[in-house]
Amino acid sequence: MVDDDTAISAQTAPAELPTRLIDHVEVDVEVILGEARVSVAQLSALSTGDLVPVDRQLGEAAEIRVNGRVIARGEIVSVDDKYAIRITEIGG
């Protein structure tokens, strides 16, 4: 038997679902500092110490993605000897 408070009709749009139903779901968050396009030959030739230039400038905001979709942007900072992202913009 389903409690009326937790029952969800088939017509309920996903945006209308109570967030408490999904608050416990974990998602992978990626922080993208930049991207580069290289050939397979260049990729195969990489060795320790090589540099791979990316498409972003120093100081430019990093992208924060969930499921490949940009959800925010931010700047790289240091917190307790670890990297962190300070959110500067919410949304894609």
PDB file of N, CA and C in Angstrom:
ATOM      1  N   MET A   1       0.841  -1.174   0.000  1.00  0.00           N
ATOM      2  CA  MET A   1       0.000   0.000   0.000  1.00  0.00           C
ATOM      3  C   MET A   1       0.889   1.241   0.000  1.00  0.00           C
ATOM      4  N   VAL A   2       0.515   2.242  -0.794  1.00  0.00           N
ATOM      5  CA  VAL A   2       1.300   3.460  -0.912  1.00  0.00           C
ATOM      6  C   VAL A   2       0.617   4.574  -0.148  1.00  0.00           C
ATOM      7  N   ASP A   3       1.378   5.273   0.637  1.00  0.00           N
ATOM      8  CA  ASP A   3       0.880   6.399   1.409  1.00  0.00           C
ATOM      9  C   ASP A   3       0.536   7.541   0.455  1.00  0.00           C
ATOM     10  N   ASP A   4      -0.563   8.257   0.691  1.00  0.00           N
ATOM     11  CA  ASP A   4      -0.970   9.354  -0.183  1.00  0.00           C
ATOM     12  C   ASP A   4       0.099  10.440  -0.284  1.00  0.00           C
ATOM     13  N   ASP A   5       0.875  10.645   0.778  1.00  0.00           N
ATOM     14  CA  ASP A   5       1.908  11.677   0.757  1.00  0.00           C
ATOM     15  C   ASP A   5       3.066  11.319  -0.164  1.00  0.00           C
ATOM     16  N   THR A   6       3.318  10.037  -0.368  1.00  0.00           N
ATOM     17  CA  THR A   6       4.450   9.637  -1.197  1.00  0.00           C
ATOM     18  C   THR A   6       4.031   9.163  -2.575  1.00  0.00           C
ATOM     19  N   ALA A   7       2.742   9.026  -2.816  1.00  0.00           N
ATOM     20  CA  ALA A   7       2.271   8.584  -4.126  1.00  0.00           C
ATOM     21  C   ALA A   7       2.493   9.687  -5.150  1.00  0.00           C
ATOM     22  N   ILE A   8       2.929   9.296  -6.327  1.00  0.00           N
ATOM     23  CA  ILE A   8       3.180  10.240  -7.405  1.00  0.00           C
ATOM     24  C   ILE A   8       2.391   9.777  -8.614  1.00  0.00           C
ATOM     25  N   SER A   9       1.565  10.639  -9.138  1.00  0.00           N
ATOM     26  CA  SER A   9       0.766  10.249 -10.299  1.00  0.00           C
ATOM     27  C   SER A   9       1.625  10.253 -11.549  1.00  0.00           C
ATOM     28  N   ALA A  10       1.193   9.520 -12.555  1.00  0.00           N
ATOM     29  CA  ALA A  10       1.921   9.439 -13.822  1.00  0.00           C
ATOM     30  C   ALA A  10       1.939  10.783 -14.532  1.00  0.00           C
ATOM     31  N   GLN A  11       0.992  11.657 -14.219  1.00  0.00           N
ATOM     32  CA  GLN A  11       0.927  12.957 -14.882  1.00  0.00           C
ATOM     33  C   GLN A  11       1.836  14.007 -14.241  1.00  0.00           C
ATOM     34  N   THR A  12       2.428  13.726 -13.110  1.00  0.00           N
ATOM     35  CA  THR A  12       3.276  14.702 -12.434  1.00  0.00           C
ATOM     36  C   THR A  12       4.544  14.931 -13.242  1.00  0.00           C
ATOM     37  N   ALA A  13       4.790  16.166 -13.587  1.00  0.00           N
ATOM     38  CA  ALA A  13       5.996  16.505 -14.342  1.00  0.00           C
ATOM     39  C   ALA A  13       7.205  16.376 -13.431  1.00  0.00           C
ATOM     40  N   PRO A  14       8.369  15.982 -13.978  1.00  0.00           N
ATOM     41  CA  PRO A  14       9.570  15.823 -13.146  1.00  0.00           C
ATOM     42  C   PRO A  14       9.911  17.062 -12.333  1.00  0.00           C
ATOM     43  N   ALA A  15       9.694  18.257 -12.888  1.00  0.00           N
ATOM     44  CA  ALA A  15      10.020  19.485 -12.159  1.00  0.00           C
ATOM     45  C   ALA A  15       9.116  19.671 -10.944  1.00  0.00           C
ATOM     46  N   GLU A  16       7.966  19.012 -10.939  1.00  0.00           N
ATOM     47  CA  GLU A  16       7.023  19.151  -9.838  1.00  0.00           C
ATOM     48  C   GLU A  16       7.247  18.117  -8.737  1.00  0.00           C
ATOM     49  N   LEU A  17       8.131  17.163  -8.960  1.00  0.00           N
ATOM     50  CA  LEU A  17       8.379  16.133  -7.961  1.00  0.00           C
ATOM     51  C   LEU A  17       8.999  16.759  -6.721  1.00  0.00           C
ATOM     52  N   PRO A  18       8.574  16.340  -5.557  1.00  0.00           N
ATOM     53  CA  PRO A  18       9.189  16.865  -4.329  1.00  0.00           C
ATOM     54  C   PRO A  18      10.679  16.518  -4.302  1.00  0.00           C
ATOM     55  N   THR A  19      11.515  17.511  -4.023  1.00  0.00           N
ATOM     56  CA  THR A  19      12.957  17.267  -4.036  1.00  0.00           C
ATOM     57  C   THR A  19      13.380  16.261  -2.982  1.00  0.00           C
ATOM     58  N   ARG A  20      12.599  16.087  -1.947  1.00  0.00           N
ATOM     59  CA  ARG A  20      12.976  15.122  -0.906  1.00  0.00           C
ATOM     60  C   ARG A  20      13.076  13.710  -1.466  1.00  0.00           C
ATOM     61  N   LEU A  21      12.419  13.450  -2.590  1.00  0.00           N
ATOM     62  CA  LEU A  21      12.478  12.117  -3.190  1.00  0.00           C
ATOM     63  C   LEU A  21      13.832  11.836  -3.833  1.00  0.00           C
ATOM     64  N   ILE A  22      14.544  12.889  -4.208  1.00  0.00           N
ATOM     65  CA  ILE A  22      15.828  12.681  -4.889  1.00  0.00           C
ATOM     66  C   ILE A  22      17.007  13.320  -4.165  1.00  0.00           C
ATOM     67  N   ASP A  23      16.773  13.964  -3.039  1.00  0.00           N
ATOM     68  CA  ASP A  23      17.851  14.641  -2.315  1.00  0.00           C
ATOM     69  C   ASP A  23      19.010  13.721  -1.957  1.00  0.00           C
ATOM     70  N   HIS A  24      18.773  12.451  -1.755  1.00  0.00           N
ATOM     71  CA  HIS A  24      19.817  11.509  -1.343  1.00  0.00           C
ATOM     72  C   HIS A  24      20.615  10.946  -2.529  1.00  0.00           C
ATOM     73  N   VAL A  25      20.161  11.205  -3.749  1.00  0.00           N
ATOM     74  CA  VAL A  25      20.837  10.677  -4.935  1.00  0.00           C
ATOM     75  C   VAL A  25      22.162  11.412  -5.121  1.00  0.00           C
ATOM     76  N   GLU A  26      23.236  10.654  -5.316  1.00  0.00           N
ATOM     77  CA  GLU A  26      24.547  11.253  -5.544  1.00  0.00           C
ATOM     78  C   GLU A  26      24.824  11.321  -7.036  1.00  0.00           C
ATOM     79  N   VAL A  27      25.484  12.394  -7.463  1.00  0.00           N
ATOM     80  CA  VAL A  27      25.857  12.565  -8.865  1.00  0.00           C
ATOM     81  C   VAL A  27      27.348  12.873  -8.936  1.00  0.00           C
ATOM     82  N   ASP A  28      27.955  12.538 -10.056  1.00  0.00           N
ATOM     83  CA  ASP A  28      29.358  12.865 -10.272  1.00  0.00           C
ATOM     84  C   ASP A  28      29.455  14.291 -10.799  1.00  0.00           C
ATOM     85  N   VAL A  29      30.319  15.074 -10.190  1.00  0.00           N
ATOM     86  CA  VAL A  29      30.547  16.451 -10.599  1.00  0.00           C
ATOM     87  C   VAL A  29      31.946  16.523 -11.200  1.00  0.00           C
ATOM     88  N   GLU A  30      32.040  17.116 -12.384  1.00  0.00           N
ATOM     89  CA  GLU A  30      33.338  17.287 -13.040  1.00  0.00           C
ATOM     90  C   GLU A  30      33.687  18.769 -13.063  1.00  0.00           C
ATOM     91  N   VAL A  31      34.949  19.080 -12.834  1.00  0.00           N
ATOM     92  CA  VAL A  31      35.441  20.441 -12.972  1.00  0.00           C
ATOM     93  C   VAL A  31      36.373  20.437 -14.173  1.00  0.00           C
ATOM     94  N   ILE A  32      36.014  21.203 -15.184  1.00  0.00           N
ATOM     95  CA  ILE A  32      36.759  21.220 -16.438  1.00  0.00           C
ATOM     96  C   ILE A  32      37.612  22.483 -16.488  1.00  0.00           C
ATOM     97  N   LEU A  33      38.919  22.297 -16.448  1.00  0.00           N
ATOM     98  CA  LEU A  33      39.844  23.425 -16.519  1.00  0.00           C
ATOM     99  C   LEU A  33      40.036  23.891 -17.947  1.00  0.00           C
ATOM    100  N   GLY A  34      39.835  22.995 -18.880  1.00  0.00           N
ATOM    101  CA  GLY A  34      39.995  23.300 -20.296  1.00  0.00           C
ATOM    102  C   GLY A  34      39.978  22.016 -21.090  1.00  0.00           C
ATOM    103  N   GLU A  35      39.937  22.160 -22.389  1.00  0.00           N
ATOM    104  CA  GLU A  35      39.917  20.997 -23.268  1.00  0.00           C
ATOM    105  C   GLU A  35      40.954  21.173 -24.364  1.00  0.00           C
ATOM    106  N   ALA A  36      41.414  20.064 -24.893  1.00  0.00           N
ATOM    107  CA  ALA A  36      42.381  20.078 -25.990  1.00  0.00           C
ATOM    108  C   ALA A  36      42.012  18.977 -26.977  1.00  0.00           C
ATOM    109  N   ARG A  37      42.307  19.214 -28.229  1.00  0.00           N
ATOM    110  CA  ARG A  37      42.093  18.200 -29.261  1.00  0.00           C
ATOM    111  C   ARG A  37      43.472  17.808 -29.784  1.00  0.00           C
ATOM    112  N   VAL A  38      43.789  16.530 -29.668  1.00  0.00           N
ATOM    113  CA  VAL A  38      45.088  16.027 -30.123  1.00  0.00           C
ATOM    114  C   VAL A  38      44.865  14.791 -30.978  1.00  0.00           C
ATOM    115  N   SER A  39      45.840  14.501 -31.800  1.00  0.00           N
ATOM    116  CA  SER A  39      45.758  13.295 -32.623  1.00  0.00           C
ATOM    117  C   SER A  39      46.124  12.078 -31.773  1.00  0.00           C
ATOM    118  N   VAL A  40      45.793  10.919 -32.274  1.00  0.00           N
ATOM    119  CA  VAL A  40      46.155   9.681 -31.581  1.00  0.00           C
ATOM    120  C   VAL A  40      47.672   9.576 -31.488  1.00  0.00           C
ATOM    121  N   ALA A  41      48.373  10.002 -32.525  1.00  0.00           N
ATOM    122  CA  ALA A  41      49.838   9.961 -32.510  1.00  0.00           C
ATOM    123  C   ALA A  41      50.391  10.855 -31.402  1.00  0.00           C
ATOM    124  N   GLN A  42      49.835  12.057 -31.268  1.00  0.00           N
ATOM    125  CA  GLN A  42      50.280  12.963 -30.208  1.00  0.00           C
ATOM    126  C   GLN A  42      49.970  12.380 -28.831  1.00  0.00           C
ATOM    127  N   LEU A  43      48.809  11.783 -28.703  1.00  0.00           N
ATOM    128  CA  LEU A  43      48.413  11.164 -27.441  1.00  0.00           C
ATOM    129  C   LEU A  43      49.343  10.014 -27.084  1.00  0.00           C
ATOM    130  N   SER A  44      49.675   9.202 -28.069  1.00  0.00           N
ATOM    131  CA  SER A  44      50.566   8.056 -27.849  1.00  0.00           C
ATOM    132  C   SER A  44      51.979   8.486 -27.482  1.00  0.00           C
ATOM    133  N   ALA A  45      52.374   9.663 -27.953  1.00  0.00           N
ATOM    134  CA  ALA A  45      53.736  10.135 -27.719  1.00  0.00           C
ATOM    135  C   ALA A  45      53.901  10.856 -26.380  1.00  0.00           C
ATOM    136  N   LEU A  46      52.826  11.064 -25.644  1.00  0.00           N
ATOM    137  CA  LEU A  46      52.929  11.777 -24.366  1.00  0.00           C
ATOM    138  C   LEU A  46      53.772  11.006 -23.360  1.00  0.00           C
ATOM    139  N   SER A  47      54.551  11.748 -22.606  1.00  0.00           N
ATOM    140  CA  SER A  47      55.335  11.123 -21.544  1.00  0.00           C
ATOM    141  C   SER A  47      55.332  12.049 -20.328  1.00  0.00           C
ATOM    142  N   THR A  48      55.811  11.541 -19.223  1.00  0.00           N
ATOM    143  CA  THR A  48      55.848  12.295 -17.980  1.00  0.00           C
ATOM    144  C   THR A  48      56.573  13.619 -18.190  1.00  0.00           C
ATOM    145  N   GLY A  49      55.957  14.702 -17.742  1.00  0.00           N
ATOM    146  CA  GLY A  49      56.555  16.024 -17.861  1.00  0.00           C
ATOM    147  C   GLY A  49      56.078  16.811 -19.067  1.00  0.00           C
ATOM    148  N   ASP A  50      55.437  16.148 -20.042  1.00  0.00           N
ATOM    149  CA  ASP A  50      54.911  16.852 -21.214  1.00  0.00           C
ATOM    150  C   ASP A  50      53.770  17.775 -20.791  1.00  0.00           C
ATOM    151  N   LEU A  51      53.564  18.823 -21.555  1.00  0.00           N
ATOM    152  CA  LEU A  51      52.472  19.762 -21.312  1.00  0.00           C
ATOM    153  C   LEU A  51      51.431  19.620 -22.412  1.00  0.00           C
ATOM    154  N   VAL A  52      50.177  19.707 -22.043  1.00  0.00           N
ATOM    155  CA  VAL A  52      49.083  19.685 -23.011  1.00  0.00           C
ATOM    156  C   VAL A  52      48.337  21.010 -22.865  1.00  0.00           C
ATOM    157  N   PRO A  53      48.536  21.938 -23.797  1.00  0.00           N
ATOM    158  CA  PRO A  53      47.831  23.217 -23.718  1.00  0.00           C
ATOM    159  C   PRO A  53      46.326  23.017 -23.899  1.00  0.00           C
ATOM    160  N   VAL A  54      45.548  23.774 -23.148  1.00  0.00           N
ATOM    161  CA  VAL A  54      44.092  23.681 -23.253  1.00  0.00           C
ATOM    162  C   VAL A  54      43.535  25.004 -23.784  1.00  0.00           C
ATOM    163  N   ASP A  55      42.243  25.003 -24.043  1.00  0.00           N
ATOM    164  CA  ASP A  55      41.601  26.134 -24.711  1.00  0.00           C
ATOM    165  C   ASP A  55      41.199  27.288 -23.796  1.00  0.00           C
ATOM    166  N   ARG A  56      41.617  27.293 -22.558  1.00  0.00           N
ATOM    167  CA  ARG A  56      41.254  28.381 -21.638  1.00  0.00           C
ATOM    168  C   ARG A  56      42.501  29.145 -21.205  1.00  0.00           C
ATOM    169  N   GLN A  57      42.282  30.418 -20.917  1.00  0.00           N
ATOM    170  CA  GLN A  57      43.358  31.278 -20.446  1.00  0.00           C
ATOM    171  C   GLN A  57      43.500  31.153 -18.930  1.00  0.00           C
ATOM    172  N   LEU A  58      44.675  31.449 -18.430  1.00  0.00           N
ATOM    173  CA  LEU A  58      44.912  31.482 -16.995  1.00  0.00           C
ATOM    174  C   LEU A  58      43.959  32.495 -16.368  1.00  0.00           C
ATOM    175  N   GLY A  59      43.287  32.125 -15.306  1.00  0.00           N
ATOM    176  CA  GLY A  59      42.341  33.012 -14.644  1.00  0.00           C
ATOM    177  C   GLY A  59      40.928  32.927 -15.183  1.00  0.00           C
ATOM    178  N   GLU A  60      40.740  32.255 -16.312  1.00  0.00           N
ATOM    179  CA  GLU A  60      39.396  32.082 -16.874  1.00  0.00           C
ATOM    180  C   GLU A  60      38.640  31.051 -16.042  1.00  0.00           C
ATOM    181  N   ALA A  61      37.352  31.238 -15.896  1.00  0.00           N
ATOM    182  CA  ALA A  61      36.536  30.359 -15.052  1.00  0.00           C
ATOM    183  C   ALA A  61      36.542  28.917 -15.553  1.00  0.00           C
ATOM    184  N   ALA A  62      36.586  27.994 -14.611  1.00  0.00           N
ATOM    185  CA  ALA A  62      36.464  26.568 -14.917  1.00  0.00           C
ATOM    186  C   ALA A  62      34.983  26.218 -14.977  1.00  0.00           C
ATOM    187  N   GLU A  63      34.644  25.228 -15.801  1.00  0.00           N
ATOM    188  CA  GLU A  63      33.257  24.777 -15.895  1.00  0.00           C
ATOM    189  C   GLU A  63      32.997  23.675 -14.885  1.00  0.00           C
ATOM    190  N   ILE A  64      31.833  23.698 -14.289  1.00  0.00           N
ATOM    191  CA  ILE A  64      31.394  22.637 -13.386  1.00  0.00           C
ATOM    192  C   ILE A  64      30.260  21.924 -14.103  1.00  0.00           C
ATOM    193  N   ARG A  65      30.453  20.627 -14.352  1.00  0.00           N
ATOM    194  CA  ARG A  65      29.485  19.860 -15.133  1.00  0.00           C
ATOM    195  C   ARG A  65      28.924  18.689 -14.336  1.00  0.00           C
ATOM    196  N   VAL A  66      27.662  18.393 -14.587  1.00  0.00           N
ATOM    197  CA  VAL A  66      27.001  17.195 -14.083  1.00  0.00           C
ATOM    198  C   VAL A  66      26.385  16.512 -15.294  1.00  0.00           C
ATOM    199  N   ASN A  67      26.710  15.246 -15.486  1.00  0.00           N
ATOM    200  CA  ASN A  67      26.236  14.500 -16.654  1.00  0.00           C
ATOM    201  C   ASN A  67      26.572  15.214 -17.956  1.00  0.00           C
ATOM    202  N   GLY A  68      27.753  15.823 -18.019  1.00  0.00           N
ATOM    203  CA  GLY A  68      28.204  16.486 -19.229  1.00  0.00           C
ATOM    204  C   GLY A  68      27.595  17.852 -19.473  1.00  0.00           C
ATOM    205  N   ARG A  69      26.726  18.296 -18.597  1.00  0.00           N
ATOM    206  CA  ARG A  69      26.043  19.579 -18.771  1.00  0.00           C
ATOM    207  C   ARG A  69      26.611  20.611 -17.805  1.00  0.00           C
ATOM    208  N   VAL A  70      26.939  21.799 -18.327  1.00  0.00           N
ATOM    209  CA  VAL A  70      27.476  22.867 -17.482  1.00  0.00           C
ATOM    210  C   VAL A  70      26.369  23.374 -16.560  1.00  0.00           C
ATOM    211  N   ILE A  71      26.633  23.316 -15.252  1.00  0.00           N
ATOM    212  CA  ILE A  71      25.654  23.811 -14.278  1.00  0.00           C
ATOM    213  C   ILE A  71      26.144  25.071 -13.565  1.00  0.00           C
ATOM    214  N   ALA A  72      27.463  25.326 -13.653  1.00  0.00           N
ATOM    215  CA  ALA A  72      28.028  26.497 -12.982  1.00  0.00           C
ATOM    216  C   ALA A  72      29.440  26.737 -13.511  1.00  0.00           C
ATOM    217  N   ARG A  73      29.995  27.872 -13.113  1.00  0.00           N
ATOM    218  CA  ARG A  73      31.387  28.191 -13.417  1.00  0.00           C
ATOM    219  C   ARG A  73      32.019  28.720 -12.136  1.00  0.00           C
ATOM    220  N   GLY A  74      33.336  28.597 -12.055  1.00  0.00           N
ATOM    221  CA  GLY A  74      33.986  29.069 -10.848  1.00  0.00           C
ATOM    222  C   GLY A  74      35.479  29.216 -11.015  1.00  0.00           C
ATOM    223  N   GLU A  75      36.108  29.742  -9.977  1.00  0.00           N
ATOM    224  CA  GLU A  75      37.556  29.926  -9.992  1.00  0.00           C
ATOM    225  C   GLU A  75      38.208  28.890  -9.086  1.00  0.00           C
ATOM    226  N   ILE A  76      39.393  28.466  -9.494  1.00  0.00           N
ATOM    227  CA  ILE A  76      40.155  27.483  -8.731  1.00  0.00           C
ATOM    228  C   ILE A  76      40.770  28.186  -7.523  1.00  0.00           C
ATOM    229  N   VAL A  77      40.569  27.605  -6.349  1.00  0.00           N
ATOM    230  CA  VAL A  77      41.151  28.132  -5.117  1.00  0.00           C
ATOM    231  C   VAL A  77      41.769  26.976  -4.334  1.00  0.00           C
ATOM    232  N   SER A  78      42.473  27.312  -3.274  1.00  0.00           N
ATOM    233  CA  SER A  78      43.081  26.305  -2.411  1.00  0.00           C
ATOM    234  C   SER A  78      42.424  26.359  -1.036  1.00  0.00           C
ATOM    235  N   VAL A  79      42.022  25.186  -0.530  1.00  0.00           N
ATOM    236  CA  VAL A  79      41.425  25.080   0.802  1.00  0.00           C
ATOM    237  C   VAL A  79      42.076  23.893   1.506  1.00  0.00           C
ATOM    238  N   ASP A  80      42.769  24.160   2.605  1.00  0.00           N
ATOM    239  CA  ASP A  80      43.436  23.100   3.361  1.00  0.00           C
ATOM    240  C   ASP A  80      44.311  22.218   2.472  1.00  0.00           C
ATOM    241  N   ASP A  81      45.133  22.832   1.654  1.00  0.00           N
ATOM    242  CA  ASP A  81      46.067  22.130   0.764  1.00  0.00           C
ATOM    243  C   ASP A  81      45.378  21.266  -0.286  1.00  0.00           C
ATOM    244  N   LYS A  82      44.129  21.563  -0.599  1.00  0.00           N
ATOM    245  CA  LYS A  82      43.412  20.864  -1.664  1.00  0.00           C
ATOM    246  C   LYS A  82      42.812  21.899  -2.598  1.00  0.00           C
ATOM    247  N   TYR A  83      42.618  21.485  -3.839  1.00  0.00           N
ATOM    248  CA  TYR A  83      41.942  22.363  -4.782  1.00  0.00           C
ATOM    249  C   TYR A  83      40.457  22.402  -4.477  1.00  0.00           C
ATOM    250  N   ALA A  84      39.848  23.550  -4.735  1.00  0.00           N
ATOM    251  CA  ALA A  84      38.402  23.716  -4.593  1.00  0.00           C
ATOM    252  C   ALA A  84      37.947  24.704  -5.660  1.00  0.00           C
ATOM    253  N   ILE A  85      36.652  24.802  -5.831  1.00  0.00           N
ATOM    254  CA  ILE A  85      36.084  25.730  -6.805  1.00  0.00           C
ATOM    255  C   ILE A  85      35.196  26.725  -6.070  1.00  0.00           C
ATOM    256  N   ARG A  86      35.482  27.996  -6.253  1.00  0.00           N
ATOM    257  CA  ARG A  86      34.603  29.044  -5.719  1.00  0.00           C
ATOM    258  C   ARG A  86      33.620  29.391  -6.833  1.00  0.00           C
ATOM    259  N   ILE A  87      32.347  29.147  -6.579  1.00  0.00           N
ATOM    260  CA  ILE A  87      31.315  29.371  -7.585  1.00  0.00           C
ATOM    261  C   ILE A  87      31.207  30.864  -7.890  1.00  0.00           C
ATOM    262  N   THR A  88      31.296  31.201  -9.172  1.00  0.00           N
ATOM    263  CA  THR A  88      31.165  32.592  -9.596  1.00  0.00           C
ATOM    264  C   THR A  88      29.925  32.814 -10.446  1.00  0.00           C
ATOM    265  N   GLU A  89      29.362  31.727 -10.964  1.00  0.00           N
ATOM    266  CA  GLU A  89      28.184  31.833 -11.831  1.00  0.00           C
ATOM    267  C   GLU A  89      27.402  30.524 -11.756  1.00  0.00           C
ATOM    268  N   ILE A  90      26.107  30.623 -11.581  1.00  0.00           N
ATOM    269  CA  ILE A  90      25.243  29.446 -11.574  1.00  0.00           C
ATOM    270  C   ILE A  90      24.481  29.414 -12.892  1.00  0.00           C
ATOM    271  N   GLY A  91      24.387  28.250 -13.482  1.00  0.00           N
ATOM    272  CA  GLY A  91      23.673  28.088 -14.750  1.00  0.00           C
ATOM    273  C   GLY A  91      24.643  27.891 -15.891  1.00  0.00           C
ATOM    274  N   GLY A  92      24.107  27.420 -17.012  1.00  0.00           N
ATOM    275  CA  GLY A  92      24.943  27.113 -18.171  1.00  0.00           C
ATOM    276  C   GLY A  92      25.124  28.302 -19.010  1.00  0.00           C
TER     277      GLY A  92
END
